[in-house]
């Protein structure tokens, strides 16, 4: 089965007797050691902003995470700081392993189904000598990810620029509001219970501009687009400014706006009042 190399994602392994507790105490997701318990996670700043994100999955030798290349060094530094005296080993696996993506499961690597939306395929992590047949284009995953409305660090936002609600993590089981404290939990829980989420992912079609270009709605900037794939991109938009989605432009050119299939929010919202 064809596997595409995800050059901008790096693998990290966290293992040891205290690994699950550390991860559950620090990351937003409900981290489980049960086989197949794949989660979308984020590491937040104390102010509640996303510093790193990716998928995490338990395997026999520990928990395997993938992280944006630009965020990896800071993520590893913070995790080593948070571990204190915990019996945990945190390993940067980027020099011997690679992260890939496949539409179908593979048997000769760590293979974890993306849980965020049906049909998102599989995250693959394998050592260098098992990747000879991987192809280097990331376009297939990018198209699928954008169509599903799934934001990704690096492509759609930078570290410390968004809250989990801004990228839909609260709606896609990437934030556990019941497990108790984690880094940034107070801010994120307040947003959840007060219903103050104002920015959300929106799918933008008809895009020809570079990432970071503004989406204009009703003469006002509502947000900016992320990386484009086959004419589509994700934008994290202030919904209250999208009163008429048919009146949206990027670089002066008309574009089409659509909400992800999982969205519980609507254009024109001033903030979600729902609890999830």
C-alpha atoms as a PDB file:
ATOM      1  CA  UNK A   1       0.000   0.000   0.000  1.00  0.00           C
ATOM      2  CA  UNK A   2       1.346   3.457  -0.966  1.00  0.00           C
ATOM      3  CA  UNK A   3       2.583   5.626   1.895  1.00  0.00           C
ATOM      4  CA  UNK A   4       3.363   9.327   1.538  1.00  0.00           C
ATOM      5  CA  UNK A   5       6.202  10.879   3.517  1.00  0.00           C
ATOM      6  CA  UNK A   6       5.066  13.700   5.823  1.00  0.00           C
ATOM      7  CA  UNK A   7       8.240  15.808   5.828  1.00  0.00           C
ATOM      8  CA  UNK A   8       6.899  18.412   8.239  1.00  0.00           C
ATOM      9  CA  UNK A   9       5.931  15.917  10.965  1.00  0.00           C
ATOM     10  CA  UNK A  10       8.461  14.408  13.354  1.00  0.00           C
ATOM     11  CA  UNK A  11       8.001  11.374  15.637  1.00  0.00           C
ATOM     12  CA  UNK A  12       8.454  11.394  19.411  1.00  0.00           C
ATOM     13  CA  UNK A  13       8.319   8.380  21.760  1.00  0.00           C
ATOM     14  CA  UNK A  14       7.430   8.745  25.431  1.00  0.00           C
ATOM     15  CA  UNK A  15       7.750   5.617  27.566  1.00  0.00           C
ATOM     16  CA  UNK A  16       8.242   4.379  31.097  1.00  0.00           C
ATOM     17  CA  UNK A  17       6.051   3.470  34.098  1.00  0.00           C
ATOM     18  CA  UNK A  18       4.858   7.063  34.594  1.00  0.00           C
ATOM     19  CA  UNK A  19       4.364   7.940  30.921  1.00  0.00           C
ATOM     20  CA  UNK A  20       0.573   7.703  30.812  1.00  0.00           C
ATOM     21  CA  UNK A  21       0.118   9.791  33.956  1.00  0.00           C
ATOM     22  CA  UNK A  22       2.501  12.474  32.718  1.00  0.00           C
ATOM     23  CA  UNK A  23       0.810  12.700  29.340  1.00  0.00           C
ATOM     24  CA  UNK A  24      -2.675  12.743  30.853  1.00  0.00           C
ATOM     25  CA  UNK A  25      -1.634  15.485  33.283  1.00  0.00           C
ATOM     26  CA  UNK A  26      -0.064  17.678  30.596  1.00  0.00           C
ATOM     27  CA  UNK A  27      -1.872  17.161  27.273  1.00  0.00           C
ATOM     28  CA  UNK A  28      -5.468  18.145  26.466  1.00  0.00           C
ATOM     29  CA  UNK A  29      -6.638  14.676  25.371  1.00  0.00           C
ATOM     30  CA  UNK A  30      -7.760  11.674  27.391  1.00  0.00           C
ATOM     31  CA  UNK A  31      -4.585   9.615  27.032  1.00  0.00           C
ATOM     32  CA  UNK A  32      -5.309   5.890  27.205  1.00  0.00           C
ATOM     33  CA  UNK A  33      -2.934   2.949  27.186  1.00  0.00           C
ATOM     34  CA  UNK A  34      -5.532   0.685  25.538  1.00  0.00           C
ATOM     35  CA  UNK A  35      -4.508  -0.641  22.089  1.00  0.00           C
ATOM     36  CA  UNK A  36      -6.026   1.404  19.284  1.00  0.00           C
ATOM     37  CA  UNK A  37      -6.775   4.391  21.534  1.00  0.00           C
ATOM     38  CA  UNK A  38      -5.554   7.057  19.116  1.00  0.00           C
ATOM     39  CA  UNK A  39      -6.224  10.672  20.124  1.00  0.00           C
ATOM     40  CA  UNK A  40      -5.733  14.158  18.719  1.00  0.00           C
ATOM     41  CA  UNK A  41      -3.831  16.112  21.389  1.00  0.00           C
ATOM     42  CA  UNK A  42      -2.410  19.536  22.094  1.00  0.00           C
ATOM     43  CA  UNK A  43       0.163  20.911  24.490  1.00  0.00           C
ATOM     44  CA  UNK A  44      -1.006  24.335  25.627  1.00  0.00           C
ATOM     45  CA  UNK A  45       0.693  27.313  27.167  1.00  0.00           C
ATOM     46  CA  UNK A  46      -0.526  28.338  30.634  1.00  0.00           C
ATOM     47  CA  UNK A  47      -2.540  30.979  28.756  1.00  0.00           C
ATOM     48  CA  UNK A  48      -4.390  28.249  26.838  1.00  0.00           C
ATOM     49  CA  UNK A  49      -2.760  28.697  23.415  1.00  0.00           C
ATOM     50  CA  UNK A  50      -1.720  25.683  21.307  1.00  0.00           C
ATOM     51  CA  UNK A  51       2.042  25.192  21.375  1.00  0.00           C
ATOM     52  CA  UNK A  52       2.089  21.781  19.684  1.00  0.00           C
ATOM     53  CA  UNK A  53      -0.453  19.254  18.379  1.00  0.00           C
ATOM     54  CA  UNK A  54      -0.650  15.890  16.679  1.00  0.00           C
ATOM     55  CA  UNK A  55      -1.867  12.334  17.141  1.00  0.00           C
ATOM     56  CA  UNK A  56      -0.849  10.072  20.032  1.00  0.00           C
ATOM     57  CA  UNK A  57      -1.173   6.278  20.140  1.00  0.00           C
ATOM     58  CA  UNK A  58      -0.034   3.620  22.646  1.00  0.00           C
ATOM     59  CA  UNK A  59       2.158   0.757  21.479  1.00  0.00           C
ATOM     60  CA  UNK A  60       4.032  -1.951  23.380  1.00  0.00           C
ATOM     61  CA  UNK A  61       7.183   0.154  23.702  1.00  0.00           C
ATOM     62  CA  UNK A  62       5.468   3.398  24.715  1.00  0.00           C
ATOM     63  CA  UNK A  63       3.356   6.256  23.405  1.00  0.00           C
ATOM     64  CA  UNK A  64       4.145   7.529  19.910  1.00  0.00           C
ATOM     65  CA  UNK A  65       3.341  11.123  18.968  1.00  0.00           C
ATOM     66  CA  UNK A  66       3.855  13.178  15.836  1.00  0.00           C
ATOM     67  CA  UNK A  67       4.553  16.910  16.008  1.00  0.00           C
ATOM     68  CA  UNK A  68       5.136  19.783  13.594  1.00  0.00           C
ATOM     69  CA  UNK A  69       8.826  20.068  12.713  1.00  0.00           C
ATOM     70  CA  UNK A  70       9.017  23.740  13.717  1.00  0.00           C
ATOM     71  CA  UNK A  71       7.442  23.016  17.123  1.00  0.00           C
ATOM     72  CA  UNK A  72       9.378  19.829  17.943  1.00  0.00           C
ATOM     73  CA  UNK A  73      12.352  21.326  19.784  1.00  0.00           C
ATOM     74  CA  UNK A  74      10.192  23.499  22.049  1.00  0.00           C
ATOM     75  CA  UNK A  75       7.776  20.596  22.644  1.00  0.00           C
ATOM     76  CA  UNK A  76      10.579  18.255  23.745  1.00  0.00           C
ATOM     77  CA  UNK A  77      12.084  20.923  25.981  1.00  0.00           C
ATOM     78  CA  UNK A  78       8.767  21.574  27.728  1.00  0.00           C
ATOM     79  CA  UNK A  79       7.955  17.890  28.166  1.00  0.00           C
ATOM     80  CA  UNK A  80      11.369  17.251  29.742  1.00  0.00           C
ATOM     81  CA  UNK A  81      10.737  20.162  32.075  1.00  0.00           C
ATOM     82  CA  UNK A  82       7.275  18.901  33.036  1.00  0.00           C
ATOM     83  CA  UNK A  83       8.423  15.361  33.770  1.00  0.00           C
ATOM     84  CA  UNK A  84      10.450  16.420  36.866  1.00  0.00           C
ATOM     85  CA  UNK A  85      11.272  13.190  38.739  1.00  0.00           C
ATOM     86  CA  UNK A  86       8.740  11.025  36.895  1.00  0.00           C
ATOM     87  CA  UNK A  87      10.051   7.682  35.612  1.00  0.00           C
ATOM     88  CA  UNK A  88       9.647   8.640  31.961  1.00  0.00           C
ATOM     89  CA  UNK A  89      11.899   8.567  28.916  1.00  0.00           C
ATOM     90  CA  UNK A  90      11.276  11.182  26.210  1.00  0.00           C
ATOM     91  CA  UNK A  91      12.951  10.356  22.898  1.00  0.00           C
ATOM     92  CA  UNK A  92      13.309  12.455  19.763  1.00  0.00           C
ATOM     93  CA  UNK A  93      12.985   9.805  17.041  1.00  0.00           C
ATOM     94  CA  UNK A  94      13.450  12.064  14.011  1.00  0.00           C
ATOM     95  CA  UNK A  95      16.913  10.764  13.069  1.00  0.00           C
ATOM     96  CA  UNK A  96      15.882   7.122  12.770  1.00  0.00           C
ATOM     97  CA  UNK A  97      12.150   7.180  12.037  1.00  0.00           C
ATOM     98  CA  UNK A  98       9.761   8.922   9.658  1.00  0.00           C
ATOM     99  CA  UNK A  99       6.088   9.886   9.769  1.00  0.00           C
ATOM    100  CA  UNK A 100       3.914   8.971   6.787  1.00  0.00           C
ATOM    101  CA  UNK A 101       0.290   8.713   5.748  1.00  0.00           C
ATOM    102  CA  UNK A 102      -1.667   5.988   3.981  1.00  0.00           C
ATOM    103  CA  UNK A 103      -5.276   5.694   2.892  1.00  0.00           C
ATOM    104  CA  UNK A 104      -5.193   2.020   3.935  1.00  0.00           C
ATOM    105  CA  UNK A 105      -3.556   0.200   6.873  1.00  0.00           C
ATOM    106  CA  UNK A 106      -0.051  -1.200   6.515  1.00  0.00           C
ATOM    107  CA  UNK A 107       1.495  -4.129   8.376  1.00  0.00           C
ATOM    108  CA  UNK A 108       5.224  -3.384   8.416  1.00  0.00           C
ATOM    109  CA  UNK A 109       5.145  -0.224  10.567  1.00  0.00           C
ATOM    110  CA  UNK A 110       3.351   1.473  13.462  1.00  0.00           C
ATOM    111  CA  UNK A 111      -0.063   2.094  11.920  1.00  0.00           C
ATOM    112  CA  UNK A 112      -2.730   4.167  13.691  1.00  0.00           C
ATOM    113  CA  UNK A 113      -6.097   5.149  12.251  1.00  0.00           C
ATOM    114  CA  UNK A 114      -6.772   8.898  12.377  1.00  0.00           C
ATOM    115  CA  UNK A 115      -9.800   9.188  14.698  1.00  0.00           C
ATOM    116  CA  UNK A 116     -10.865  12.722  13.873  1.00  0.00           C
ATOM    117  CA  UNK A 117     -13.156  11.974  10.935  1.00  0.00           C
ATOM    118  CA  UNK A 118     -14.143   8.855   8.962  1.00  0.00           C
ATOM    119  CA  UNK A 119     -11.952   8.172   5.953  1.00  0.00           C
ATOM    120  CA  UNK A 120      -8.957  10.175   7.193  1.00  0.00           C
ATOM    121  CA  UNK A 121      -6.651   7.219   6.715  1.00  0.00           C
ATOM    122  CA  UNK A 122      -3.695   6.150   8.840  1.00  0.00           C
ATOM    123  CA  UNK A 123      -0.666   7.726  10.436  1.00  0.00           C
ATOM    124  CA  UNK A 124       2.389   5.592   9.758  1.00  0.00           C
ATOM    125  CA  UNK A 125       5.672   5.673  11.720  1.00  0.00           C
ATOM    126  CA  UNK A 126       8.528   3.509  10.491  1.00  0.00           C
ATOM    127  CA  UNK A 127      12.334   3.288  10.690  1.00  0.00           C
ATOM    128  CA  UNK A 128      14.353   4.613   7.788  1.00  0.00           C
ATOM    129  CA  UNK A 129      15.021   1.214   6.200  1.00  0.00           C
ATOM    130  CA  UNK A 130      11.264   0.544   5.871  1.00  0.00           C
ATOM    131  CA  UNK A 131      10.510   3.737   3.945  1.00  0.00           C
ATOM    132  CA  UNK A 132      12.286   3.107   0.636  1.00  0.00           C
ATOM    133  CA  UNK A 133       8.986   2.858  -1.270  1.00  0.00           C
ATOM    134  CA  UNK A 134       7.311   5.883   0.310  1.00  0.00           C
ATOM    135  CA  UNK A 135       6.504   8.723  -2.071  1.00  0.00           C
ATOM    136  CA  UNK A 136       7.307  12.312  -1.115  1.00  0.00           C
ATOM    137  CA  UNK A 137       4.191  14.251  -2.128  1.00  0.00           C
ATOM    138  CA  UNK A 138       1.914  15.191   0.774  1.00  0.00           C
ATOM    139  CA  UNK A 139      -0.933  16.384  -1.486  1.00  0.00           C
ATOM    140  CA  UNK A 140      -3.236  13.399  -0.935  1.00  0.00           C
ATOM    141  CA  UNK A 141      -3.300  13.865   2.826  1.00  0.00           C
ATOM    142  CA  UNK A 142      -3.551  17.646   2.516  1.00  0.00           C
ATOM    143  CA  UNK A 143      -6.592  17.413   0.239  1.00  0.00           C
ATOM    144  CA  UNK A 144      -8.324  14.977   2.575  1.00  0.00           C
ATOM    145  CA  UNK A 145      -7.478  17.006   5.666  1.00  0.00           C
ATOM    146  CA  UNK A 146      -8.739  20.276   4.225  1.00  0.00           C
ATOM    147  CA  UNK A 147     -11.958  18.698   2.929  1.00  0.00           C
ATOM    148  CA  UNK A 148     -12.578  17.369   6.450  1.00  0.00           C
ATOM    149  CA  UNK A 149     -11.917  20.766   8.043  1.00  0.00           C
ATOM    150  CA  UNK A 150      -8.977  19.569  10.169  1.00  0.00           C
ATOM    151  CA  UNK A 151      -6.465  22.297  10.946  1.00  0.00           C
ATOM    152  CA  UNK A 152      -2.776  21.460  11.317  1.00  0.00           C
ATOM    153  CA  UNK A 153       0.055  23.371  12.933  1.00  0.00           C
ATOM    154  CA  UNK A 154       2.510  24.733  10.423  1.00  0.00           C
ATOM    155  CA  UNK A 155       0.081  24.574   7.515  1.00  0.00           C
ATOM    156  CA  UNK A 156      -2.763  26.572   9.089  1.00  0.00           C
ATOM    157  CA  UNK A 157      -1.467  28.238  12.252  1.00  0.00           C
ATOM    158  CA  UNK A 158       1.702  28.900  14.219  1.00  0.00           C
ATOM    159  CA  UNK A 159       2.548  28.060  17.819  1.00  0.00           C
ATOM    160  CA  UNK A 160       0.844  30.252  20.439  1.00  0.00           C
ATOM    161  CA  UNK A 161      -1.576  31.777  17.898  1.00  0.00           C
ATOM    162  CA  UNK A 162      -4.811  29.818  18.510  1.00  0.00           C
ATOM    163  CA  UNK A 163      -6.898  28.332  21.302  1.00  0.00           C
ATOM    164  CA  UNK A 164      -8.084  24.711  20.956  1.00  0.00           C
ATOM    165  CA  UNK A 165     -11.631  25.969  20.274  1.00  0.00           C
ATOM    166  CA  UNK A 166     -10.333  28.015  17.316  1.00  0.00           C
ATOM    167  CA  UNK A 167      -9.387  24.804  15.487  1.00  0.00           C
ATOM    168  CA  UNK A 168     -12.328  22.674  16.619  1.00  0.00           C
ATOM    169  CA  UNK A 169     -10.453  20.526  19.120  1.00  0.00           C
ATOM    170  CA  UNK A 170     -13.316  20.869  21.611  1.00  0.00           C
ATOM    171  CA  UNK A 171     -15.735  19.332  19.080  1.00  0.00           C
ATOM    172  CA  UNK A 172     -13.423  16.530  17.909  1.00  0.00           C
ATOM    173  CA  UNK A 173     -12.636  14.889  21.269  1.00  0.00           C
ATOM    174  CA  UNK A 174      -9.162  16.387  21.470  1.00  0.00           C
ATOM    175  CA  UNK A 175      -9.927  18.141  24.764  1.00  0.00           C
ATOM    176  CA  UNK A 176     -11.103  16.150  27.783  1.00  0.00           C
ATOM    177  CA  UNK A 177     -13.125  18.531  29.936  1.00  0.00           C
ATOM    178  CA  UNK A 178     -13.773  15.880  32.601  1.00  0.00           C
ATOM    179  CA  UNK A 179     -10.335  14.535  33.488  1.00  0.00           C
ATOM    180  CA  UNK A 180      -9.237  17.484  35.629  1.00  0.00           C
ATOM    181  CA  UNK A 181      -6.227  19.731  35.320  1.00  0.00           C
ATOM    182  CA  UNK A 182      -3.841  19.914  32.385  1.00  0.00           C
ATOM    183  CA  UNK A 183      -1.612  22.758  31.226  1.00  0.00           C
ATOM    184  CA  UNK A 184      -3.863  25.677  30.180  1.00  0.00           C
ATOM    185  CA  UNK A 185      -6.995  23.897  31.419  1.00  0.00           C
ATOM    186  CA  UNK A 186      -8.420  26.870  33.323  1.00  0.00           C
ATOM    187  CA  UNK A 187      -8.553  29.135  30.275  1.00  0.00           C
ATOM    188  CA  UNK A 188      -9.927  26.456  27.946  1.00  0.00           C
ATOM    189  CA  UNK A 189     -12.600  25.346  30.425  1.00  0.00           C
ATOM    190  CA  UNK A 190     -13.708  28.959  30.901  1.00  0.00           C
ATOM    191  CA  UNK A 191     -14.114  29.348  27.128  1.00  0.00           C
ATOM    192  CA  UNK A 192     -16.128  26.130  27.037  1.00  0.00           C
ATOM    193  CA  UNK A 193     -18.510  26.968  29.858  1.00  0.00           C
ATOM    194  CA  UNK A 194     -18.962  30.631  29.000  1.00  0.00           C
ATOM    195  CA  UNK A 195     -19.401  29.924  25.294  1.00  0.00           C
ATOM    196  CA  UNK A 196     -16.821  32.465  24.161  1.00  0.00           C
ATOM    197  CA  UNK A 197     -15.386  30.639  21.126  1.00  0.00           C
ATOM    198  CA  UNK A 198     -15.529  33.190  18.299  1.00  0.00           C
ATOM    199  CA  UNK A 199     -13.095  31.793  15.715  1.00  0.00           C
ATOM    200  CA  UNK A 200     -13.654  28.472  13.972  1.00  0.00           C
ATOM    201  CA  UNK A 201     -12.332  26.456  10.979  1.00  0.00           C
ATOM    202  CA  UNK A 202     -13.969  27.189   7.625  1.00  0.00           C
ATOM    203  CA  UNK A 203     -13.248  25.493   4.282  1.00  0.00           C
ATOM    204  CA  UNK A 204     -12.400  28.012   1.548  1.00  0.00           C
ATOM    205  CA  UNK A 205     -12.659  27.013  -2.134  1.00  0.00           C
ATOM    206  CA  UNK A 206     -11.371  28.911  -5.159  1.00  0.00           C
ATOM    207  CA  UNK A 207      -8.075  29.792  -3.480  1.00  0.00           C
ATOM    208  CA  UNK A 208      -5.003  30.807  -5.485  1.00  0.00           C
ATOM    209  CA  UNK A 209      -3.226  32.937  -2.861  1.00  0.00           C
ATOM    210  CA  UNK A 210      -0.426  32.243  -0.413  1.00  0.00           C
ATOM    211  CA  UNK A 211      -0.984  31.154   3.185  1.00  0.00           C
ATOM    212  CA  UNK A 212      -1.643  34.099   5.474  1.00  0.00           C
ATOM    213  CA  UNK A 213      -3.708  36.012   2.909  1.00  0.00           C
ATOM    214  CA  UNK A 214      -6.777  37.636   4.444  1.00  0.00           C
ATOM    215  CA  UNK A 215     -10.351  36.476   3.931  1.00  0.00           C
ATOM    216  CA  UNK A 216     -12.509  39.579   3.518  1.00  0.00           C
ATOM    217  CA  UNK A 217     -16.203  39.429   4.386  1.00  0.00           C
ATOM    218  CA  UNK A 218     -18.424  42.496   4.173  1.00  0.00           C
ATOM    219  CA  UNK A 219     -15.371  44.696   3.778  1.00  0.00           C
ATOM    220  CA  UNK A 220     -13.715  43.403   6.971  1.00  0.00           C
ATOM    221  CA  UNK A 221     -10.962  40.866   7.536  1.00  0.00           C
ATOM    222  CA  UNK A 222     -12.404  37.738   9.125  1.00  0.00           C
ATOM    223  CA  UNK A 223      -9.171  35.738   9.280  1.00  0.00           C
ATOM    224  CA  UNK A 224      -6.503  34.297   6.996  1.00  0.00           C
ATOM    225  CA  UNK A 225      -6.145  31.184   4.874  1.00  0.00           C
ATOM    226  CA  UNK A 226      -3.743  28.349   5.550  1.00  0.00           C
ATOM    227  CA  UNK A 227      -1.831  26.222   3.056  1.00  0.00           C
ATOM    228  CA  UNK A 228      -3.679  25.558  -0.213  1.00  0.00           C
ATOM    229  CA  UNK A 229      -4.186  22.176  -1.889  1.00  0.00           C
ATOM    230  CA  UNK A 230      -5.957  21.865  -5.246  1.00  0.00           C
ATOM    231  CA  UNK A 231      -7.685  25.230  -4.849  1.00  0.00           C
ATOM    232  CA  UNK A 232      -8.915  24.687  -1.275  1.00  0.00           C
ATOM    233  CA  UNK A 233      -7.610  25.859   2.082  1.00  0.00           C
ATOM    234  CA  UNK A 234      -8.710  26.155   5.673  1.00  0.00           C
ATOM    235  CA  UNK A 235      -9.211  29.501   7.339  1.00  0.00           C
ATOM    236  CA  UNK A 236      -9.737  30.159  11.035  1.00  0.00           C
ATOM    237  CA  UNK A 237     -12.414  32.833  10.785  1.00  0.00           C
ATOM    238  CA  UNK A 238     -14.175  35.140  13.184  1.00  0.00           C
ATOM    239  CA  UNK A 239     -17.710  33.895  12.539  1.00  0.00           C
ATOM    240  CA  UNK A 240     -19.479  37.101  13.527  1.00  0.00           C
ATOM    241  CA  UNK A 241     -17.880  38.814  10.516  1.00  0.00           C
ATOM    242  CA  UNK A 242     -19.198  36.206   8.062  1.00  0.00           C
ATOM    243  CA  UNK A 243     -22.763  37.477   7.849  1.00  0.00           C
ATOM    244  CA  UNK A 244     -22.972  36.687   4.119  1.00  0.00           C
ATOM    245  CA  UNK A 245     -20.654  33.813   3.120  1.00  0.00           C
ATOM    246  CA  UNK A 246     -21.413  34.504  -0.560  1.00  0.00           C
ATOM    247  CA  UNK A 247     -19.692  37.882  -0.177  1.00  0.00           C
ATOM    248  CA  UNK A 248     -16.221  36.524   0.679  1.00  0.00           C
ATOM    249  CA  UNK A 249     -13.038  37.349  -1.206  1.00  0.00           C
ATOM    250  CA  UNK A 250      -9.336  36.504  -0.983  1.00  0.00           C
ATOM    251  CA  UNK A 251      -6.929  38.865  -2.759  1.00  0.00           C
ATOM    252  CA  UNK A 252      -9.963  40.504  -4.341  1.00  0.00           C
ATOM    253  CA  UNK A 253     -11.144  37.248  -5.897  1.00  0.00           C
ATOM    254  CA  UNK A 254     -14.477  35.629  -4.924  1.00  0.00           C
ATOM    255  CA  UNK A 255     -14.193  32.434  -2.887  1.00  0.00           C
ATOM    256  CA  UNK A 256     -16.705  29.956  -1.529  1.00  0.00           C
ATOM    257  CA  UNK A 257     -16.989  29.287   2.191  1.00  0.00           C
ATOM    258  CA  UNK A 258     -18.282  26.054   3.719  1.00  0.00           C
ATOM    259  CA  UNK A 259     -18.450  24.634   7.220  1.00  0.00           C
ATOM    260  CA  UNK A 260     -16.972  21.212   8.058  1.00  0.00           C
ATOM    261  CA  UNK A 261     -19.487  18.379   8.311  1.00  0.00           C
ATOM    262  CA  UNK A 262     -18.828  18.100  12.061  1.00  0.00           C
ATOM    263  CA  UNK A 263     -19.400  21.789  12.805  1.00  0.00           C
ATOM    264  CA  UNK A 264     -22.033  22.740  15.379  1.00  0.00           C
ATOM    265  CA  UNK A 265     -21.391  26.433  14.737  1.00  0.00           C
ATOM    266  CA  UNK A 266     -22.829  28.695  12.036  1.00  0.00           C
ATOM    267  CA  UNK A 267     -21.811  31.740  10.030  1.00  0.00           C
ATOM    268  CA  UNK A 268     -22.692  34.909  11.913  1.00  0.00           C
ATOM    269  CA  UNK A 269     -22.246  33.354  15.358  1.00  0.00           C
ATOM    270  CA  UNK A 270     -20.793  35.689  17.971  1.00  0.00           C
ATOM    271  CA  UNK A 271     -19.675  32.763  20.107  1.00  0.00           C
ATOM    272  CA  UNK A 272     -20.811  29.211  20.741  1.00  0.00           C
ATOM    273  CA  UNK A 273     -23.031  28.738  23.774  1.00  0.00           C
ATOM    274  CA  UNK A 274     -23.000  24.959  23.513  1.00  0.00           C
ATOM    275  CA  UNK A 275     -21.328  22.613  25.941  1.00  0.00           C
ATOM    276  CA  UNK A 276     -19.725  19.517  24.426  1.00  0.00           C
END
